[in-house]
Amino acid sequence: MPNRPYPSLAEATRIWARIGLLSFGGPAGQIALMHRILVEERRWLGERRFLHALNYCMLLPGPEAMQLAVYIGWLMHRTAGGIIAGVLFVLPGVIAIMGLSWIYALYGNVGAVEALFFGLKAAVVAIVVQAVMRIGARTLNHAALIAIAAASFVAIFGFGVAFPLIILAAGLIGYVGARGGVPAFHGQGGHGAVGGARVDDADTLLGEAAPEHTEVSRAYAFRVSAVFLILWLAPVALLFAALGPADVFARIAGFFSIMAVVTFGGAYAVLAYVAQEAVQNFGWLAPGEMLDGLGMAETTPGPLIMVTQFVGFMGAMREATGLSPLMAGTLGGLLTTWVTFMPCFLWIFLGAPFIERLRDNRVLTAALTAITAAVVGVILNLAVWFGMHVVFDELRSVAAIGLDLEVPVWSSVDPAAAALVGAALLAVFRVRLGPVTTLAGCALAGMALAAIGWI
């Protein structure tokens, strides 16, 4: 039983607002922040329940940190708590990215702004490489998992295989491996311990037993989920019906709705898919602009996946007709955010009441393990792709014997960009600076290099 009464909804709202405003540093930092505040400081829930909720969120497509916030909010204060937690977790990022998108659209070609983003791009490369190393060190503890990661990298980088197909194949390998007794798929998957202090469930507000409101009927869970399904898909259907499938708003709604269903493995895996489609296939923005957007998301609170709002903004600003470019961009960015995050509420409200049935499911754990291994290869592709577009001014396409890739033209190397990327890598791996400090330092370095005429 809980040791003391639950916090009021008003108090919980203040806590979630605090978390939303402080949620810098990508999903790993955000999960650690929630653990520190909710487990160690507030003792709303214990270590075991926190990790159980996190591992469930890792099974879902989309941003696991935001989904974890919704899950814990629902656990404490039912549906209203989940909605408040999720909205406040993303709202600061929505406001910040929208403001930066306007500045980018209006002043992006100004020298100082270009120099700032020149530096941010170098830092982004180092941060993505760091993400590869961290996830790989945690995940690739067996030769079979290393092989899956390598195969996923070769598939997406060398042959242009779509990200959803890679994830589907990895999940099937994990399923078959678990059924066949392969040792690589007997681990727990997901995240390990998140914080330093261990808090037992019995010493928290929730206690060890599940709250009464979690014992809901299937009918109730389906009713609540149906509301969010309608809120998600009704605008998409209306846009396709009213504007046609070729309209940019319909394409934004359709693409990011698909993304919300197929992007397993966290924010960096999502970005790999978005970069592949939005840049290479739709042509909504250039590779350098994708890096600029990621730099915005890295330096503002909220989920890293908020970069998709910038992508939607740029795509609508450039392709919409009948509206001013900034108005079209604003609507495109907000539409992207709506269809990206609305499914997160659906997944939690539908699945959370039945999560205990997934606790020790060996097959699902194996599928998660294999998918996470594949995501390492996908993120490595993202790091290589970003690095080539930052360091080299020219790439050439190679299409032969099934290959479909870009390789750098070595004579087009940008010395200033290469030096700044090297400095960012040293800052991250040797000096061990945090992502925000690294980004700020590289942004200042970029402006300094512009001031002396080196870029």
Protein backbone atom coordinates (compact mmCIF):
# COMPACT_ATOMS: atom_id res chain seq x y z
CA MET A 1 0.00 0.00 0.00
CA PRO A 2 1.18 3.59 -0.58
CA ASN A 3 2.82 5.25 2.41
CA ARG A 4 1.03 8.59 1.96
CA PRO A 5 -1.72 10.12 -0.20
CA TYR A 6 -1.19 10.64 -3.91
CA PRO A 7 -0.29 14.18 -5.02
CA SER A 8 -3.21 16.24 -6.25
CA LEU A 9 -3.67 16.68 -9.99
CA ALA A 10 -2.66 20.33 -9.61
CA GLU A 11 0.59 19.34 -7.89
CA ALA A 12 1.24 16.68 -10.53
CA THR A 13 0.68 19.32 -13.22
CA ARG A 14 3.41 21.49 -11.68
CA ILE A 15 5.80 18.53 -11.59
CA TRP A 16 5.13 17.63 -15.24
CA ALA A 17 5.57 21.27 -16.28
CA ARG A 18 8.95 21.27 -14.52
CA ILE A 19 9.97 18.06 -16.30
CA GLY A 20 8.86 19.45 -19.65
CA LEU A 21 10.90 22.63 -19.23
CA LEU A 22 14.02 20.72 -18.12
CA SER A 23 13.85 17.88 -20.65
CA PHE A 24 17.01 18.60 -22.63
CA GLY A 25 19.53 16.07 -23.88
CA GLY A 26 17.51 13.60 -25.94
CA PRO A 27 15.64 10.50 -24.73
CA ALA A 28 18.41 9.16 -22.48
CA GLY A 29 18.66 12.46 -20.60
CA GLN A 30 14.89 12.81 -20.38
CA ILE A 31 14.43 9.31 -18.99
CA ALA A 32 17.16 9.98 -16.42
CA LEU A 33 15.46 13.27 -15.50
CA MET A 34 12.11 11.55 -14.94
CA HIS A 35 13.81 8.87 -12.87
CA ARG A 36 15.53 11.45 -10.67
CA ILE A 37 12.41 13.54 -10.08
CA LEU A 38 9.68 10.88 -9.95
CA VAL A 39 11.55 7.96 -8.40
CA GLU A 40 14.36 9.42 -6.31
CA GLU A 41 12.93 12.80 -5.26
CA ARG A 42 9.14 12.40 -5.24
CA ARG A 43 9.00 8.62 -4.79
CA TRP A 44 5.83 8.34 -6.83
CA LEU A 45 6.92 4.89 -8.00
CA GLY A 46 9.81 2.52 -7.46
CA GLU A 47 12.71 1.32 -9.58
CA ARG A 48 11.08 -1.94 -10.66
CA ARG A 49 7.80 -0.34 -11.74
CA PHE A 50 9.64 2.48 -13.54
CA LEU A 51 11.77 0.04 -15.55
CA HIS A 52 8.76 -2.16 -16.28
CA ALA A 53 6.91 0.84 -17.70
CA LEU A 54 9.99 1.89 -19.69
CA ASN A 55 10.47 -1.56 -21.20
CA TYR A 56 6.83 -1.55 -22.30
CA CYS A 57 7.33 1.86 -23.93
CA MET A 58 10.40 0.47 -25.71
CA LEU A 59 8.11 -2.05 -27.40
CA LEU A 60 6.09 0.77 -28.96
CA PRO A 61 6.74 2.89 -32.04
CA GLY A 62 7.49 6.52 -31.40
CA PRO A 63 9.34 8.49 -28.68
CA GLU A 64 9.69 6.28 -25.60
CA ALA A 65 10.42 9.16 -23.19
CA MET A 66 7.16 10.94 -24.03
CA GLN A 67 5.24 7.66 -23.84
CA LEU A 68 6.81 6.93 -20.46
CA ALA A 69 5.56 10.31 -19.22
CA VAL A 70 2.03 9.49 -20.43
CA TYR A 71 2.20 6.06 -18.81
CA ILE A 72 3.29 7.37 -15.41
CA GLY A 73 0.78 10.22 -15.60
CA TRP A 74 -1.98 7.67 -16.30
CA LEU A 75 -0.72 5.43 -13.51
CA MET A 76 -1.00 8.27 -10.99
CA HIS A 77 -4.12 10.13 -12.14
CA ARG A 78 -5.92 8.04 -14.77
CA THR A 79 -6.61 9.36 -18.28
CA ALA A 80 -6.50 13.04 -17.26
CA GLY A 81 -3.09 12.53 -15.69
CA GLY A 82 -1.75 10.86 -18.82
CA ILE A 83 -3.00 13.67 -21.05
CA ILE A 84 -1.52 16.38 -18.81
CA ALA A 85 1.83 14.59 -18.55
CA GLY A 86 2.09 14.04 -22.30
CA VAL A 87 1.03 17.56 -23.30
CA LEU A 88 3.32 19.30 -20.83
CA PHE A 89 6.22 17.07 -21.86
CA VAL A 90 6.04 18.21 -25.49
CA LEU A 91 4.59 21.74 -25.21
CA PRO A 92 7.88 23.59 -24.50
CA GLY A 93 9.45 21.92 -27.53
CA VAL A 94 6.49 22.78 -29.75
CA ILE A 95 6.77 26.46 -28.86
CA ALA A 96 10.57 26.58 -29.10
CA ILE A 97 10.86 24.75 -32.43
CA MET A 98 8.08 26.83 -33.97
CA GLY A 99 9.82 30.06 -32.95
CA LEU A 100 13.16 28.82 -34.29
CA SER A 101 11.50 27.69 -37.52
CA TRP A 102 10.19 31.21 -38.10
CA ILE A 103 13.64 32.68 -37.40
CA TYR A 104 15.21 30.14 -39.75
CA ALA A 105 12.71 30.87 -42.52
CA LEU A 106 13.11 34.64 -42.20
CA TYR A 107 16.81 35.00 -41.43
CA GLY A 108 18.40 31.65 -42.30
CA ASN A 109 20.50 33.19 -45.06
CA VAL A 110 21.93 35.87 -42.78
CA GLY A 111 25.64 35.34 -42.19
CA ALA A 112 25.48 35.10 -38.39
CA VAL A 113 22.62 32.59 -38.50
CA GLU A 114 24.38 30.50 -41.15
CA ALA A 115 27.57 30.47 -39.06
CA LEU A 116 25.67 29.41 -35.94
CA PHE A 117 24.07 26.47 -37.73
CA PHE A 118 27.41 25.59 -39.36
CA GLY A 119 28.73 24.95 -35.86
CA LEU A 120 25.60 23.14 -34.72
CA LYS A 121 25.89 20.65 -37.59
CA ALA A 122 29.37 19.58 -36.45
CA ALA A 123 28.12 19.02 -32.91
CA VAL A 124 25.14 17.01 -34.16
CA VAL A 125 27.48 14.59 -35.94
CA ALA A 126 29.40 13.97 -32.70
CA ILE A 127 26.21 13.53 -30.66
CA VAL A 128 24.76 10.98 -33.08
CA VAL A 129 28.07 9.05 -33.07
CA GLN A 130 27.89 9.06 -29.27
CA ALA A 131 24.34 7.66 -29.47
CA VAL A 132 25.60 4.81 -31.66
CA MET A 133 28.34 3.99 -29.15
CA ARG A 134 26.05 4.10 -26.13
CA ILE A 135 23.26 2.00 -27.58
CA GLY A 136 25.73 -0.42 -29.14
CA ALA A 137 27.62 -0.93 -25.87
CA ARG A 138 24.36 -1.65 -24.07
CA THR A 139 22.83 -3.88 -26.74
CA LEU A 140 25.41 -5.74 -28.82
CA ASN A 141 26.54 -8.34 -26.28
CA HIS A 142 26.34 -11.35 -28.61
CA ALA A 143 27.72 -12.15 -32.07
CA ALA A 144 24.20 -12.64 -33.46
CA LEU A 145 23.18 -9.15 -32.36
CA ILE A 146 26.35 -7.64 -33.84
CA ALA A 147 25.49 -9.40 -37.11
CA ILE A 148 21.95 -7.94 -37.08
CA ALA A 149 23.35 -4.43 -36.50
CA ALA A 150 25.88 -4.83 -39.31
CA ALA A 151 23.28 -6.22 -41.70
CA SER A 152 20.87 -3.37 -40.97
CA PHE A 153 23.61 -0.81 -41.67
CA VAL A 154 24.56 -2.44 -44.97
CA ALA A 155 20.91 -2.76 -45.98
CA ILE A 156 20.00 0.89 -45.41
CA PHE A 157 23.32 2.51 -46.36
CA GLY A 158 24.34 0.32 -49.27
CA PHE A 159 21.04 -0.80 -50.75
CA GLY A 160 18.51 1.82 -49.64
CA VAL A 161 16.23 -0.70 -47.91
CA ALA A 162 13.33 1.05 -46.20
CA PHE A 163 13.58 1.37 -42.44
CA PRO A 164 10.24 -0.34 -41.67
CA LEU A 165 11.35 -3.44 -43.60
CA ILE A 166 14.58 -3.59 -41.59
CA ILE A 167 12.64 -3.39 -38.32
CA LEU A 168 10.15 -6.03 -39.46
CA ALA A 169 12.96 -8.40 -40.45
CA ALA A 170 14.76 -7.86 -37.15
CA GLY A 171 11.61 -8.54 -35.17
CA LEU A 172 11.02 -11.77 -37.08
CA ILE A 173 14.62 -12.85 -36.46
CA GLY A 174 14.16 -12.21 -32.75
CA TYR A 175 10.91 -14.15 -32.73
CA VAL A 176 12.40 -17.13 -34.55
CA GLY A 177 15.54 -16.96 -32.41
CA ALA A 178 13.53 -17.06 -29.20
CA ARG A 179 11.46 -19.98 -30.41
CA GLY A 180 14.65 -21.77 -31.45
CA GLY A 181 16.42 -21.17 -28.14
CA VAL A 182 19.20 -18.94 -29.48
CA PRO A 183 21.08 -17.54 -26.42
CA ALA A 184 21.34 -14.05 -27.93
CA PHE A 185 17.61 -13.54 -27.48
CA HIS A 186 17.28 -14.65 -23.89
CA GLY A 187 18.26 -11.25 -22.41
CA GLN A 188 15.92 -8.70 -20.97
CA GLY A 189 16.29 -6.09 -23.69
CA GLY A 190 15.35 -2.48 -23.20
CA HIS A 191 17.21 -0.29 -20.75
CA GLY A 192 19.20 -1.23 -17.74
CA ALA A 193 19.22 0.66 -14.49
CA VAL A 194 18.53 4.32 -15.08
CA GLY A 195 19.62 6.04 -11.90
CA GLY A 196 22.08 5.47 -9.12
CA ALA A 197 19.72 5.21 -6.15
CA ARG A 198 17.47 2.18 -5.97
CA VAL A 199 13.97 2.83 -4.60
CA ASP A 200 11.82 -0.18 -3.75
CA ASP A 201 8.20 -0.14 -4.89
CA ALA A 202 7.00 -0.73 -1.33
CA ASP A 203 8.52 2.61 -0.23
CA THR A 204 6.66 4.74 -2.77
CA LEU A 205 3.26 6.36 -3.20
CA LEU A 206 2.03 3.64 -5.56
CA GLY A 207 3.36 0.81 -3.46
CA GLU A 208 3.67 -2.69 -4.85
CA ALA A 209 0.04 -3.32 -5.77
CA ALA A 210 -1.49 -1.90 -8.94
CA PRO A 211 -3.83 1.07 -8.40
CA GLU A 212 -7.52 0.23 -8.59
CA HIS A 213 -8.09 2.30 -11.72
CA THR A 214 -5.61 0.17 -13.67
CA GLU A 215 -7.99 -2.80 -13.38
CA VAL A 216 -10.21 -1.43 -16.14
CA SER A 217 -12.31 -3.53 -18.45
CA ARG A 218 -11.40 -4.17 -22.05
CA ALA A 219 -14.48 -2.17 -23.09
CA TYR A 220 -13.28 0.93 -21.21
CA ALA A 221 -9.78 0.72 -22.65
CA PHE A 222 -11.16 0.37 -26.16
CA ARG A 223 -13.56 3.31 -25.68
CA VAL A 224 -10.80 5.65 -24.53
CA SER A 225 -8.50 4.44 -27.28
CA ALA A 226 -11.21 4.93 -29.90
CA VAL A 227 -11.42 8.62 -28.98
CA PHE A 228 -7.71 9.10 -29.58
CA LEU A 229 -7.82 7.03 -32.77
CA ILE A 230 -10.49 9.38 -34.12
CA LEU A 231 -8.56 12.47 -32.99
CA TRP A 232 -5.51 11.13 -34.81
CA LEU A 233 -6.95 9.84 -38.08
CA ALA A 234 -10.02 12.02 -38.68
CA PRO A 235 -7.95 15.09 -39.67
CA VAL A 236 -5.84 12.90 -41.95
CA ALA A 237 -8.90 11.53 -43.70
CA LEU A 238 -10.41 14.99 -44.06
CA LEU A 239 -7.23 16.38 -45.63
CA PHE A 240 -7.05 13.56 -48.16
CA ALA A 241 -10.74 13.94 -49.01
CA ALA A 242 -10.71 17.75 -49.25
CA LEU A 243 -7.31 18.41 -50.82
CA GLY A 244 -6.38 15.17 -52.54
CA PRO A 245 -3.37 12.90 -51.97
CA ALA A 246 -0.99 15.14 -53.95
CA ASP A 247 -1.44 18.15 -51.65
CA VAL A 248 1.48 18.80 -49.32
CA PHE A 249 -0.72 18.86 -46.20
CA ALA A 250 -2.21 15.49 -47.07
CA ARG A 251 1.25 14.07 -47.73
CA ILE A 252 2.56 15.46 -44.44
CA ALA A 253 -0.38 13.98 -42.53
CA GLY A 254 -0.05 10.63 -44.29
CA PHE A 255 3.71 10.30 -44.03
CA PHE A 256 4.03 11.24 -40.38
CA SER A 257 1.04 9.06 -39.47
CA ILE A 258 2.86 6.10 -41.05
CA MET A 259 6.03 7.15 -39.25
CA ALA A 260 4.18 7.04 -35.94
CA VAL A 261 3.32 3.38 -36.55
CA VAL A 262 6.57 1.97 -37.91
CA THR A 263 9.38 3.86 -36.14
CA PHE A 264 10.56 1.59 -33.36
CA GLY A 265 13.82 2.10 -31.49
CA GLY A 266 13.79 5.68 -30.25
CA ALA A 267 14.36 9.15 -31.60
CA TYR A 268 17.55 8.57 -33.60
CA ALA A 269 15.97 5.66 -35.45
CA VAL A 270 13.01 7.89 -36.27
CA LEU A 271 15.36 10.55 -37.59
CA ALA A 272 17.03 8.03 -39.88
CA TYR A 273 13.66 7.21 -41.42
CA VAL A 274 12.63 10.88 -41.68
CA ALA A 275 15.95 11.81 -43.29
CA GLN A 276 15.60 8.99 -45.80
CA GLU A 277 12.06 9.96 -46.81
CA ALA A 278 11.71 13.73 -46.25
CA VAL A 279 15.07 14.62 -47.79
CA GLN A 280 15.67 11.98 -50.44
CA ASN A 281 12.14 11.09 -51.54
CA PHE A 282 9.85 14.07 -50.83
CA GLY A 283 12.49 16.75 -51.22
CA TRP A 284 10.95 18.89 -48.48
CA LEU A 285 14.36 20.09 -47.29
CA ALA A 286 18.06 19.65 -48.00
CA PRO A 287 20.42 17.44 -45.95
CA GLY A 288 22.04 20.49 -44.37
CA GLU A 289 18.64 21.83 -43.36
CA MET A 290 17.81 18.48 -41.75
CA LEU A 291 20.96 18.89 -39.67
CA ASP A 292 19.92 22.43 -38.77
CA GLY A 293 16.58 21.12 -37.54
CA LEU A 294 18.25 18.44 -35.46
CA GLY A 295 20.47 21.11 -33.92
CA MET A 296 17.34 23.03 -32.93
CA ALA A 297 15.81 19.95 -31.33
CA GLU A 298 19.03 19.11 -29.46
CA THR A 299 19.22 22.60 -27.91
CA THR A 300 15.57 22.98 -26.87
CA PRO A 301 13.47 21.13 -24.28
CA GLY A 302 11.16 18.34 -25.32
CA PRO A 303 11.48 15.14 -27.33
CA LEU A 304 14.25 15.00 -29.91
CA ILE A 305 11.65 13.82 -32.41
CA MET A 306 10.30 17.39 -32.32
CA VAL A 307 12.62 17.98 -35.29
CA THR A 308 9.77 16.53 -37.36
CA GLN A 309 7.83 19.75 -36.70
CA PHE A 310 10.63 21.66 -38.45
CA VAL A 311 10.48 19.19 -41.35
CA GLY A 312 6.72 19.69 -41.72
CA PHE A 313 7.17 23.45 -41.45
CA MET A 314 9.73 23.59 -44.25
CA GLY A 315 7.81 21.22 -46.51
CA ALA A 316 4.54 23.11 -46.23
CA MET A 317 6.22 26.52 -46.47
CA ARG A 318 7.74 25.59 -49.82
CA GLU A 319 4.93 23.63 -51.45
CA ALA A 320 1.60 24.95 -50.14
CA THR A 321 -0.42 27.22 -52.44
CA GLY A 322 -3.04 29.81 -51.54
CA LEU A 323 -1.41 30.67 -48.19
CA SER A 324 1.48 32.85 -47.16
CA PRO A 325 4.64 30.76 -46.79
CA LEU A 326 4.91 31.37 -43.03
CA MET A 327 1.25 30.55 -42.42
CA ALA A 328 1.56 27.39 -44.49
CA GLY A 329 4.71 26.43 -42.62
CA THR A 330 3.07 27.02 -39.24
CA LEU A 331 0.08 24.85 -40.17
CA GLY A 332 2.37 22.17 -41.62
CA GLY A 333 4.50 22.11 -38.47
CA LEU A 334 1.50 21.88 -36.13
CA LEU A 335 -0.10 19.19 -38.29
CA THR A 336 3.13 17.19 -38.14
CA THR A 337 3.23 17.46 -34.35
CA TRP A 338 -0.42 16.41 -34.05
CA VAL A 339 -0.12 13.21 -36.09
CA THR A 340 3.29 12.39 -34.57
CA PHE A 341 2.28 12.55 -30.91
CA MET A 342 -1.43 11.72 -30.88
CA PRO A 343 -0.75 7.99 -31.48
CA CYS A 344 1.47 7.96 -28.37
CA PHE A 345 -1.61 8.52 -26.21
CA LEU A 346 -3.43 5.79 -28.09
CA TRP A 347 -0.68 3.20 -27.53
CA ILE A 348 -0.53 3.91 -23.79
CA PHE A 349 -4.25 4.12 -23.04
CA LEU A 350 -4.91 0.98 -25.05
CA GLY A 351 -2.03 -1.15 -23.82
CA ALA A 352 -1.18 0.05 -20.31
CA PRO A 353 -4.17 -1.64 -18.58
CA PHE A 354 -2.96 -4.98 -19.90
CA ILE A 355 0.77 -4.48 -19.48
CA GLU A 356 1.11 -7.13 -16.78
CA ARG A 357 0.40 -9.72 -19.45
CA LEU A 358 3.57 -8.59 -21.24
CA ARG A 359 5.85 -8.59 -18.20
CA ASP A 360 7.65 -11.90 -18.77
CA ASN A 361 6.79 -12.62 -22.39
CA ARG A 362 9.99 -14.19 -23.74
CA VAL A 363 9.08 -13.83 -27.41
CA LEU A 364 8.28 -10.11 -27.15
CA THR A 365 11.51 -9.52 -25.24
CA ALA A 366 13.46 -11.32 -27.95
CA ALA A 367 11.83 -9.25 -30.69
CA LEU A 368 12.71 -6.06 -28.80
CA THR A 369 16.31 -7.22 -28.41
CA ALA A 370 16.68 -7.88 -32.14
CA ILE A 371 14.97 -4.61 -33.09
CA THR A 372 17.26 -2.64 -30.78
CA ALA A 373 20.29 -4.30 -32.40
CA ALA A 374 19.01 -3.34 -35.86
CA VAL A 375 18.47 0.22 -34.66
CA VAL A 376 22.20 0.46 -33.84
CA GLY A 377 22.97 -0.13 -37.51
CA VAL A 378 20.31 2.36 -38.59
CA ILE A 379 21.69 5.06 -36.30
CA LEU A 380 25.21 4.34 -37.59
CA ASN A 381 23.85 5.02 -41.06
CA LEU A 382 22.45 8.31 -39.79
CA ALA A 383 25.84 9.28 -38.33
CA VAL A 384 27.67 8.46 -41.59
CA TRP A 385 25.03 10.25 -43.68
CA PHE A 386 25.18 13.37 -41.52
CA GLY A 387 28.97 13.31 -41.39
CA MET A 388 29.37 13.11 -45.16
CA HIS A 389 27.00 16.02 -45.75
CA VAL A 390 28.75 18.18 -43.16
CA VAL A 391 32.39 17.49 -44.06
CA PHE A 392 32.12 17.21 -47.86
CA ASP A 393 30.67 19.77 -50.26
CA GLU A 394 30.03 17.20 -52.99
CA LEU A 395 28.78 13.59 -53.04
CA ARG A 396 28.33 11.25 -55.97
CA SER A 397 25.80 8.47 -56.42
CA VAL A 398 26.82 4.85 -56.91
CA ALA A 399 24.24 2.52 -58.43
CA ALA A 400 25.57 -0.85 -59.51
CA ILE A 401 24.98 -4.52 -58.68
CA GLY A 402 22.05 -3.57 -56.47
CA LEU A 403 23.93 -0.82 -54.66
CA ASP A 404 22.16 2.49 -54.08
CA LEU A 405 24.35 4.86 -52.08
CA GLU A 406 26.19 8.14 -52.02
CA VAL A 407 29.96 8.41 -51.51
CA PRO A 408 32.01 11.56 -50.88
CA VAL A 409 34.12 13.31 -53.47
CA TRP A 410 37.33 13.54 -51.43
CA SER A 411 38.58 16.64 -53.20
CA SER A 412 35.50 18.52 -51.94
CA VAL A 413 36.34 18.22 -48.23
CA ASP A 414 35.61 21.35 -46.18
CA PRO A 415 38.65 21.81 -43.86
CA ALA A 416 36.81 24.06 -41.39
CA ALA A 417 33.89 21.64 -41.10
CA ALA A 418 36.20 18.65 -40.71
CA ALA A 419 38.17 20.42 -37.97
CA LEU A 420 35.00 21.39 -36.12
CA VAL A 421 33.62 17.85 -36.31
CA GLY A 422 36.92 16.56 -34.92
CA ALA A 423 36.78 19.08 -32.09
CA ALA A 424 33.17 18.08 -31.31
CA LEU A 425 34.14 14.40 -31.18
CA LEU A 426 36.96 15.21 -28.76
CA ALA A 427 34.60 17.27 -26.63
CA VAL A 428 32.09 14.43 -26.41
CA PHE A 429 34.41 11.43 -26.01
CA ARG A 430 37.56 12.79 -24.33
CA VAL A 431 36.41 15.85 -22.38
CA ARG A 432 32.98 14.23 -21.84
CA LEU A 433 31.01 17.43 -22.27
CA GLY A 434 27.23 17.19 -22.29
CA PRO A 435 25.23 17.65 -25.50
CA VAL A 436 23.99 21.15 -24.70
CA THR A 437 27.51 22.36 -23.80
CA THR A 438 28.94 20.77 -26.95
CA LEU A 439 26.27 22.33 -29.14
CA ALA A 440 26.75 25.76 -27.58
CA GLY A 441 30.52 25.55 -27.94
CA CYS A 442 30.36 24.49 -31.59
CA ALA A 443 27.81 27.20 -32.38
CA LEU A 444 30.14 29.84 -30.93
CA ALA A 445 33.07 28.29 -32.81
CA GLY A 446 31.13 28.48 -36.05
CA MET A 447 30.42 32.18 -35.51
CA ALA A 448 34.08 32.77 -34.62
CA LEU A 449 35.26 31.04 -37.81
CA ALA A 450 32.84 33.21 -39.81
CA ALA A 451 34.12 36.36 -38.12
CA ILE A 452 37.71 35.64 -39.21
CA GLY A 453 36.64 34.66 -42.69
CA TRP A 454 37.43 30.93 -42.55
CA ILE A 455 33.91 29.89 -43.64
